Amino acid sequence: MELKYWKKKSDAEIKTQIFEALHQNINYSEKTILGVPASYLDEKVFAQDATFFKDAPYLSALIQNPNHIGCHTLGQSESFFSGTQSIE
């Protein structure tokens, strides 16, 4: 049996892939969202515009999709989080 391993991605590749995926997700900071089965982190507690987030794809994913919606399914999921689902 031949084992197949994932090719290690560079930091730049990871950053590009994560931020492109997050761009496909619904963004709570850009619009008021009713009916989406999710929540967001309170901006008074979590500074979502901190400059270090541009270099922190993992932290950005946690901020933009704190409930990880779309991450737990195969195939169809909430269209609001299609980007996150695509990288899972």
PDB file of N, CA and C in Angstrom:
ATOM      1  N   MET A   1       0.836  -1.173   0.000  1.00  0.00           N
ATOM      2  CA  MET A   1       0.000   0.000   0.000  1.00  0.00           C
ATOM      3  C   MET A   1       0.889   1.248   0.000  1.00  0.00           C
ATOM      4  N   GLU A   2       0.673   2.094  -0.956  1.00  0.00           N
ATOM      5  CA  GLU A   2       1.463   3.318  -1.071  1.00  0.00           C
ATOM      6  C   GLU A   2       0.838   4.423  -0.228  1.00  0.00           C
ATOM      7  N   LEU A   3       1.642   5.036   0.606  1.00  0.00           N
ATOM      8  CA  LEU A   3       1.163   6.147   1.418  1.00  0.00           C
ATOM      9  C   LEU A   3       1.323   7.442   0.645  1.00  0.00           C
ATOM     10  N   LYS A   4       0.306   8.258   0.716  1.00  0.00           N
ATOM     11  CA  LYS A   4       0.369   9.559   0.059  1.00  0.00           C
ATOM     12  C   LYS A   4       0.328  10.626   1.134  1.00  0.00           C
ATOM     13  N   TYR A   5       1.212  11.577   1.018  1.00  0.00           N
ATOM     14  CA  TYR A   5       1.285  12.668   1.983  1.00  0.00           C
ATOM     15  C   TYR A   5       0.907  13.964   1.298  1.00  0.00           C
ATOM     16  N   TRP A   6       0.360  14.846   2.075  1.00  0.00           N
ATOM     17  CA  TRP A   6       0.063  16.165   1.553  1.00  0.00           C
ATOM     18  C   TRP A   6       1.356  16.919   1.342  1.00  0.00           C
ATOM     19  N   LYS A   7       1.389  17.677   0.272  1.00  0.00           N
ATOM     20  CA  LYS A   7       2.539  18.529   0.015  1.00  0.00           C
ATOM     21  C   LYS A   7       2.492  19.706   0.993  1.00  0.00           C
ATOM     22  N   LYS A   8       3.608  19.943   1.649  1.00  0.00           N
ATOM     23  CA  LYS A   8       3.678  21.064   2.584  1.00  0.00           C
ATOM     24  C   LYS A   8       3.581  22.367   1.814  1.00  0.00           C
ATOM     25  N   LYS A   9       2.740  23.252   2.280  1.00  0.00           N
ATOM     26  CA  LYS A   9       2.582  24.560   1.639  1.00  0.00           C
ATOM     27  C   LYS A   9       3.465  25.583   2.348  1.00  0.00           C
ATOM     28  N   SER A  10       3.905  26.546   1.580  1.00  0.00           N
ATOM     29  CA  SER A  10       4.688  27.638   2.158  1.00  0.00           C
ATOM     30  C   SER A  10       3.753  28.555   2.949  1.00  0.00           C
ATOM     31  N   ASP A  11       4.323  29.398   3.777  1.00  0.00           N
ATOM     32  CA  ASP A  11       3.513  30.361   4.521  1.00  0.00           C
ATOM     33  C   ASP A  11       2.705  31.244   3.577  1.00  0.00           C
ATOM     34  N   ALA A  12       3.309  31.654   2.484  1.00  0.00           N
ATOM     35  CA  ALA A  12       2.615  32.504   1.512  1.00  0.00           C
ATOM     36  C   ALA A  12       1.440  31.757   0.873  1.00  0.00           C
ATOM     37  N   GLU A  13       1.627  30.471   0.549  1.00  0.00           N
ATOM     38  CA  GLU A  13       0.545  29.677  -0.042  1.00  0.00           C
ATOM     39  C   GLU A  13      -0.613  29.499   0.942  1.00  0.00           C
ATOM     40  N   ILE A  14      -0.288  29.244   2.196  1.00  0.00           N
ATOM     41  CA  ILE A  14      -1.319  29.087   3.223  1.00  0.00           C
ATOM     42  C   ILE A  14      -2.092  30.388   3.390  1.00  0.00           C
ATOM     43  N   LYS A  15      -1.360  31.473   3.490  1.00  0.00           N
ATOM     44  CA  LYS A  15      -1.979  32.786   3.664  1.00  0.00           C
ATOM     45  C   LYS A  15      -2.924  33.105   2.501  1.00  0.00           C
ATOM     46  N   THR A  16      -2.477  32.865   1.285  1.00  0.00           N
ATOM     47  CA  THR A  16      -3.302  33.120   0.105  1.00  0.00           C
ATOM     48  C   THR A  16      -4.557  32.256   0.124  1.00  0.00           C
ATOM     49  N   GLN A  17      -4.397  30.970   0.379  1.00  0.00           N
ATOM     50  CA  GLN A  17      -5.529  30.045   0.357  1.00  0.00           C
ATOM     51  C   GLN A  17      -6.563  30.394   1.434  1.00  0.00           C
ATOM     52  N   ILE A  18      -6.109  30.686   2.630  1.00  0.00           N
ATOM     53  CA  ILE A  18      -7.033  30.997   3.723  1.00  0.00           C
ATOM     54  C   ILE A  18      -7.770  32.306   3.458  1.00  0.00           C
ATOM     55  N   PHE A  19      -7.045  33.341   3.061  1.00  0.00           N
ATOM     56  CA  PHE A  19      -7.704  34.631   2.853  1.00  0.00           C
ATOM     57  C   PHE A  19      -8.638  34.610   1.644  1.00  0.00           C
ATOM     58  N   GLU A  20      -8.316  33.839   0.610  1.00  0.00           N
ATOM     59  CA  GLU A  20      -9.245  33.691  -0.514  1.00  0.00           C
ATOM     60  C   GLU A  20     -10.510  32.969  -0.060  1.00  0.00           C
ATOM     61  N   ALA A  21     -10.359  31.951   0.778  1.00  0.00           N
ATOM     62  CA  ALA A  21     -11.519  31.218   1.299  1.00  0.00           C
ATOM     63  C   ALA A  21     -12.375  32.130   2.182  1.00  0.00           C
ATOM     64  N   LEU A  22     -11.752  32.886   3.055  1.00  0.00           N
ATOM     65  CA  LEU A  22     -12.506  33.777   3.932  1.00  0.00           C
ATOM     66  C   LEU A  22     -13.238  34.854   3.143  1.00  0.00           C
ATOM     67  N   HIS A  23     -12.671  35.256   2.028  1.00  0.00           N
ATOM     68  CA  HIS A  23     -13.325  36.252   1.178  1.00  0.00           C
ATOM     69  C   HIS A  23     -14.641  35.711   0.605  1.00  0.00           C
ATOM     70  N   GLN A  24     -14.752  34.388   0.471  1.00  0.00           N
ATOM     71  CA  GLN A  24     -15.976  33.767  -0.048  1.00  0.00           C
ATOM     72  C   GLN A  24     -17.052  33.639   1.039  1.00  0.00           C
ATOM     73  N   ASN A  25     -16.654  33.712   2.290  1.00  0.00           N
ATOM     74  CA  ASN A  25     -17.605  33.616   3.404  1.00  0.00           C
ATOM     75  C   ASN A  25     -18.349  34.921   3.586  1.00  0.00           C
ATOM     76  N   ILE A  26     -19.490  34.836   4.247  1.00  0.00           N
ATOM     77  CA  ILE A  26     -20.222  36.035   4.622  1.00  0.00           C
ATOM     78  C   ILE A  26     -19.376  36.792   5.651  1.00  0.00           C
ATOM     79  N   ASN A  27     -19.407  38.094   5.616  1.00  0.00           N
ATOM     80  CA  ASN A  27     -18.576  38.893   6.510  1.00  0.00           C
ATOM     81  C   ASN A  27     -19.481  39.734   7.416  1.00  0.00           C
ATOM     82  N   TYR A  28     -19.468  39.421   8.703  1.00  0.00           N
ATOM     83  CA  TYR A  28     -20.327  40.111   9.665  1.00  0.00           C
ATOM     84  C   TYR A  28     -20.009  41.588   9.793  1.00  0.00           C
ATOM     85  N   SER A  29     -18.773  41.967   9.546  1.00  0.00           N
ATOM     86  CA  SER A  29     -18.414  43.373   9.712  1.00  0.00           C
ATOM     87  C   SER A  29     -18.862  44.236   8.536  1.00  0.00           C
ATOM     88  N   GLU A  30     -19.248  43.608   7.443  1.00  0.00           N
ATOM     89  CA  GLU A  30     -19.665  44.369   6.265  1.00  0.00           C
ATOM     90  C   GLU A  30     -21.176  44.541   6.154  1.00  0.00           C
ATOM     91  N   LYS A  31     -21.954  43.645   6.777  1.00  0.00           N
ATOM     92  CA  LYS A  31     -23.402  43.765   6.679  1.00  0.00           C
ATOM     93  C   LYS A  31     -24.085  43.195   7.906  1.00  0.00           C
ATOM     94  N   THR A  32     -25.297  43.665   8.131  1.00  0.00           N
ATOM     95  CA  THR A  32     -26.123  43.110   9.190  1.00  0.00           C
ATOM     96  C   THR A  32     -26.731  41.825   8.656  1.00  0.00           C
ATOM     97  N   ILE A  33     -26.636  40.770   9.433  1.00  0.00           N
ATOM     98  CA  ILE A  33     -27.054  39.468   8.941  1.00  0.00           C
ATOM     99  C   ILE A  33     -28.141  38.901   9.851  1.00  0.00           C
ATOM    100  N   LEU A  34     -29.303  38.686   9.273  1.00  0.00           N
ATOM    101  CA  LEU A  34     -30.406  38.059  10.006  1.00  0.00           C
ATOM    102  C   LEU A  34     -30.654  36.684   9.417  1.00  0.00           C
ATOM    103  N   GLY A  35     -30.934  35.734  10.249  1.00  0.00           N
ATOM    104  CA  GLY A  35     -31.286  34.407   9.773  1.00  0.00           C
ATOM    105  C   GLY A  35     -30.116  33.477   9.535  1.00  0.00           C
ATOM    106  N   VAL A  36     -28.902  33.941   9.718  1.00  0.00           N
ATOM    107  CA  VAL A  36     -27.734  33.075   9.554  1.00  0.00           C
ATOM    108  C   VAL A  36     -27.510  32.377  10.896  1.00  0.00           C
ATOM    109  N   PRO A  37     -27.455  31.036  10.882  1.00  0.00           N
ATOM    110  CA  PRO A  37     -27.324  30.313  12.150  1.00  0.00           C
ATOM    111  C   PRO A  37     -25.905  30.371  12.701  1.00  0.00           C
ATOM    112  N   ALA A  38     -25.500  31.539  13.117  1.00  0.00           N
ATOM    113  CA  ALA A  38     -24.132  31.714  13.602  1.00  0.00           C
ATOM    114  C   ALA A  38     -24.073  32.941  14.493  1.00  0.00           C
ATOM    115  N   SER A  39     -22.918  33.194  15.007  1.00  0.00           N
ATOM    116  CA  SER A  39     -22.698  34.396  15.795  1.00  0.00           C
ATOM    117  C   SER A  39     -21.346  34.970  15.413  1.00  0.00           C
ATOM    118  N   TYR A  40     -21.051  36.117  15.951  1.00  0.00           N
ATOM    119  CA  TYR A  40     -19.758  36.734  15.686  1.00  0.00           C
ATOM    120  C   TYR A  40     -19.168  37.208  17.008  1.00  0.00           C
ATOM    121  N   LEU A  41     -17.894  37.476  16.979  1.00  0.00           N
ATOM    122  CA  LEU A  41     -17.224  37.948  18.189  1.00  0.00           C
ATOM    123  C   LEU A  41     -17.467  39.440  18.355  1.00  0.00           C
ATOM    124  N   ASP A  42     -17.794  39.846  19.539  1.00  0.00           N
ATOM    125  CA  ASP A  42     -18.099  41.236  19.835  1.00  0.00           C
ATOM    126  C   ASP A  42     -16.878  42.105  19.567  1.00  0.00           C
ATOM    127  N   GLU A  43     -17.040  43.106  18.736  1.00  0.00           N
ATOM    128  CA  GLU A  43     -15.931  43.993  18.364  1.00  0.00           C
ATOM    129  C   GLU A  43     -15.417  44.816  19.545  1.00  0.00           C
ATOM    130  N   LYS A  44     -16.227  44.963  20.582  1.00  0.00           N
ATOM    131  CA  LYS A  44     -15.773  45.691  21.764  1.00  0.00           C
ATOM    132  C   LYS A  44     -14.772  44.859  22.568  1.00  0.00           C
ATOM    133  N   VAL A  45     -14.841  43.549  22.417  1.00  0.00           N
ATOM    134  CA  VAL A  45     -13.952  42.648  23.146  1.00  0.00           C
ATOM    135  C   VAL A  45     -12.792  42.176  22.269  1.00  0.00           C
ATOM    136  N   PHE A  46     -13.076  41.878  21.009  1.00  0.00           N
ATOM    137  CA  PHE A  46     -12.073  41.377  20.065  1.00  0.00           C
ATOM    138  C   PHE A  46     -11.866  42.408  18.965  1.00  0.00           C
ATOM    139  N   ALA A  47     -10.736  43.066  18.974  1.00  0.00           N
ATOM    140  CA  ALA A  47     -10.431  44.084  17.959  1.00  0.00           C
ATOM    141  C   ALA A  47     -10.199  43.395  16.613  1.00  0.00           C
ATOM    142  N   GLN A  48     -11.203  43.430  15.764  1.00  0.00           N
ATOM    143  CA  GLN A  48     -11.130  42.706  14.499  1.00  0.00           C
ATOM    144  C   GLN A  48     -10.354  43.450  13.419  1.00  0.00           C
ATOM    145  N   ASP A  49     -10.015  44.684  13.670  1.00  0.00           N
ATOM    146  CA  ASP A  49      -9.275  45.450  12.673  1.00  0.00           C
ATOM    147  C   ASP A  49      -7.796  45.602  13.040  1.00  0.00           C
ATOM    148  N   ALA A  50      -7.323  44.790  13.969  1.00  0.00           N
ATOM    149  CA  ALA A  50      -5.911  44.848  14.363  1.00  0.00           C
ATOM    150  C   ALA A  50      -5.025  44.541  13.154  1.00  0.00           C
ATOM    151  N   THR A  51      -3.962  45.289  13.009  1.00  0.00           N
ATOM    152  CA  THR A  51      -3.120  45.160  11.813  1.00  0.00           C
ATOM    153  C   THR A  51      -2.435  43.802  11.694  1.00  0.00           C
ATOM    154  N   PHE A  52      -2.190  43.118  12.800  1.00  0.00           N
ATOM    155  CA  PHE A  52      -1.485  41.835  12.710  1.00  0.00           C
ATOM    156  C   PHE A  52      -2.336  40.736  12.063  1.00  0.00           C
ATOM    157  N   PHE A  53      -3.659  40.935  11.952  1.00  0.00           N
ATOM    158  CA  PHE A  53      -4.498  39.911  11.331  1.00  0.00           C
ATOM    159  C   PHE A  53      -4.158  39.696   9.854  1.00  0.00           C
ATOM    160  N   LYS A  54      -3.618  40.717   9.191  1.00  0.00           N
ATOM    161  CA  LYS A  54      -3.278  40.548   7.770  1.00  0.00           C
ATOM    162  C   LYS A  54      -2.173  39.519   7.567  1.00  0.00           C
ATOM    163  N   ASP A  55      -1.426  39.218   8.605  1.00  0.00           N
ATOM    164  CA  ASP A  55      -0.371  38.204   8.553  1.00  0.00           C
ATOM    165  C   ASP A  55      -0.712  36.975   9.391  1.00  0.00           C
ATOM    166  N   ALA A  56      -1.960  36.855   9.803  1.00  0.00           N
ATOM    167  CA  ALA A  56      -2.374  35.757  10.679  1.00  0.00           C
ATOM    168  C   ALA A  56      -3.621  35.072  10.132  1.00  0.00           C
ATOM    169  N   PRO A  57      -3.467  34.209   9.121  1.00  0.00           N
ATOM    170  CA  PRO A  57      -4.638  33.583   8.512  1.00  0.00           C
ATOM    171  C   PRO A  57      -5.458  32.728   9.478  1.00  0.00           C
ATOM    172  N   TYR A  58      -4.801  31.985  10.351  1.00  0.00           N
ATOM    173  CA  TYR A  58      -5.543  31.136  11.287  1.00  0.00           C
ATOM    174  C   TYR A  58      -6.384  31.986  12.244  1.00  0.00           C
ATOM    175  N   LEU A  59      -5.784  33.015  12.821  1.00  0.00           N
ATOM    176  CA  LEU A  59      -6.529  33.891  13.731  1.00  0.00           C
ATOM    177  C   LEU A  59      -7.662  34.607  12.998  1.00  0.00           C
ATOM    178  N   SER A  60      -7.420  34.996  11.762  1.00  0.00           N
ATOM    179  CA  SER A  60      -8.460  35.649  10.972  1.00  0.00           C
ATOM    180  C   SER A  60      -9.639  34.718  10.745  1.00  0.00           C
ATOM    181  N   ALA A  61      -9.349  33.440  10.502  1.00  0.00           N
ATOM    182  CA  ALA A  61     -10.422  32.458  10.313  1.00  0.00           C
ATOM    183  C   ALA A  61     -11.244  32.303  11.589  1.00  0.00           C
ATOM    184  N   LEU A  62     -10.590  32.320  12.743  1.00  0.00           N
ATOM    185  CA  LEU A  62     -11.315  32.213  14.003  1.00  0.00           C
ATOM    186  C   LEU A  62     -12.200  33.430  14.253  1.00  0.00           C
ATOM    187  N   ILE A  63     -11.718  34.594  13.886  1.00  0.00           N
ATOM    188  CA  ILE A  63     -12.489  35.822  14.076  1.00  0.00           C
ATOM    189  C   ILE A  63     -13.671  35.875  13.110  1.00  0.00           C
ATOM    190  N   GLN A  64     -13.446  35.538  11.837  1.00  0.00           N
ATOM    191  CA  GLN A  64     -14.487  35.676  10.822  1.00  0.00           C
ATOM    192  C   GLN A  64     -15.506  34.541  10.825  1.00  0.00           C
ATOM    193  N   ASN A  65     -15.161  33.398  11.380  1.00  0.00           N
ATOM    194  CA  ASN A  65     -16.092  32.274  11.442  1.00  0.00           C
ATOM    195  C   ASN A  65     -15.910  31.568  12.787  1.00  0.00           C
ATOM    196  N   PRO A  66     -16.297  32.231  13.895  1.00  0.00           N
ATOM    197  CA  PRO A  66     -16.016  31.684  15.221  1.00  0.00           C
ATOM    198  C   PRO A  66     -16.723  30.372  15.520  1.00  0.00           C
ATOM    199  N   ASN A  67     -17.827  30.089  14.866  1.00  0.00           N
ATOM    200  CA  ASN A  67     -18.550  28.844  15.107  1.00  0.00           C
ATOM    201  C   ASN A  67     -18.113  27.732  14.163  1.00  0.00           C
ATOM    202  N   HIS A  68     -17.217  28.025  13.268  1.00  0.00           N
ATOM    203  CA  HIS A  68     -16.714  27.065  12.285  1.00  0.00           C
ATOM    204  C   HIS A  68     -17.841  26.443  11.459  1.00  0.00           C
ATOM    205  N   ILE A  69     -18.819  27.226  11.107  1.00  0.00           N
ATOM    206  CA  ILE A  69     -19.923  26.721  10.298  1.00  0.00           C
ATOM    207  C   ILE A  69     -19.395  26.401   8.905  1.00  0.00           C
ATOM    208  N   GLY A  70     -19.804  25.280   8.398  1.00  0.00           N
ATOM    209  CA  GLY A  70     -19.353  24.840   7.088  1.00  0.00           C
ATOM    210  C   GLY A  70     -18.140  23.947   7.157  1.00  0.00           C
ATOM    211  N   CYS A  71     -17.549  23.825   8.331  1.00  0.00           N
ATOM    212  CA  CYS A  71     -16.325  23.038   8.475  1.00  0.00           C
ATOM    213  C   CYS A  71     -16.598  21.571   8.792  1.00  0.00           C
ATOM    214  N   HIS A  72     -17.781  21.248   9.204  1.00  0.00           N
ATOM    215  CA  HIS A  72     -18.057  19.910   9.708  1.00  0.00           C
ATOM    216  C   HIS A  72     -18.825  19.030   8.720  1.00  0.00           C
ATOM    217  N   THR A  73     -18.998  19.473   7.511  1.00  0.00           N
ATOM    218  CA  THR A  73     -19.819  18.718   6.575  1.00  0.00           C
ATOM    219  C   THR A  73     -19.037  18.332   5.334  1.00  0.00           C
ATOM    220  N   LEU A  74     -19.474  17.283   4.710  1.00  0.00           N
ATOM    221  CA  LEU A  74     -18.970  16.901   3.396  1.00  0.00           C
ATOM    222  C   LEU A  74     -20.059  17.232   2.399  1.00  0.00           C
ATOM    223  N   GLY A  75     -19.699  17.768   1.278  1.00  0.00           N
ATOM    224  CA  GLY A  75     -20.712  18.086   0.268  1.00  0.00           C
ATOM    225  C   GLY A  75     -21.356  19.424   0.535  1.00  0.00           C
ATOM    226  N   GLN A  76     -22.646  19.419   0.804  1.00  0.00           N
ATOM    227  CA  GLN A  76     -23.404  20.655   0.973  1.00  0.00           C
ATOM    228  C   GLN A  76     -23.288  21.196   2.386  1.00  0.00           C
ATOM    229  N   SER A  77     -23.260  22.493   2.489  1.00  0.00           N
ATOM    230  CA  SER A  77     -23.247  23.168   3.775  1.00  0.00           C
ATOM    231  C   SER A  77     -23.886  24.531   3.583  1.00  0.00           C
ATOM    232  N   GLU A  78     -23.829  25.344   4.598  1.00  0.00           N
ATOM    233  CA  GLU A  78     -24.343  26.707   4.496  1.00  0.00           C
ATOM    234  C   GLU A  78     -23.569  27.465   3.424  1.00  0.00           C
ATOM    235  N   SER A  79     -24.268  28.058   2.489  1.00  0.00           N
ATOM    236  CA  SER A  79     -23.581  28.801   1.425  1.00  0.00           C
ATOM    237  C   SER A  79     -22.865  30.033   1.966  1.00  0.00           C
ATOM    238  N   PHE A  80     -23.262  30.475   3.135  1.00  0.00           N
ATOM    239  CA  PHE A  80     -22.641  31.647   3.744  1.00  0.00           C
ATOM    240  C   PHE A  80     -21.166  31.415   4.065  1.00  0.00           C
ATOM    241  N   PHE A  81     -20.781  30.152   4.215  1.00  0.00           N
ATOM    242  CA  PHE A  81     -19.418  29.801   4.607  1.00  0.00           C
ATOM    243  C   PHE A  81     -18.772  28.826   3.623  1.00  0.00           C
ATOM    244  N   SER A  82     -19.058  29.016   2.351  1.00  0.00           N
ATOM    245  CA  SER A  82     -18.530  28.105   1.323  1.00  0.00           C
ATOM    246  C   SER A  82     -17.016  28.150   1.237  1.00  0.00           C
ATOM    247  N   GLY A  83     -16.417  29.278   1.522  1.00  0.00           N
ATOM    248  CA  GLY A  83     -14.951  29.380   1.474  1.00  0.00           C
ATOM    249  C   GLY A  83     -14.290  28.536   2.543  1.00  0.00           C
ATOM    250  N   THR A  84     -14.809  28.650   3.770  1.00  0.00           N
ATOM    251  CA  THR A  84     -14.265  27.846   4.858  1.00  0.00           C
ATOM    252  C   THR A  84     -14.443  26.362   4.578  1.00  0.00           C
ATOM    253  N   GLN A  85     -15.609  25.994   4.056  1.00  0.00           N
ATOM    254  CA  GLN A  85     -15.861  24.588   3.768  1.00  0.00           C
ATOM    255  C   GLN A  85     -14.889  24.081   2.701  1.00  0.00           C
ATOM    256  N   SER A  86     -14.562  24.901   1.724  1.00  0.00           N
ATOM    257  CA  SER A  86     -13.696  24.453   0.633  1.00  0.00           C
ATOM    258  C   SER A  86     -12.289  24.112   1.112  1.00  0.00           C
ATOM    259  N   ILE A  87     -11.808  24.743   2.162  1.00  0.00           N
ATOM    260  CA  ILE A  87     -10.460  24.418   2.640  1.00  0.00           C
ATOM    261  C   ILE A  87     -10.453  23.289   3.656  1.00  0.00           C
ATOM    262  N   GLU A  88     -11.616  22.959   4.194  1.00  0.00           N
ATOM    263  CA  GLU A  88     -11.680  21.846   5.127  1.00  0.00           C
ATOM    264  C   GLU A  88     -11.608  20.548   4.346  1.00  0.00           C
TER     265      GLU A  88
END
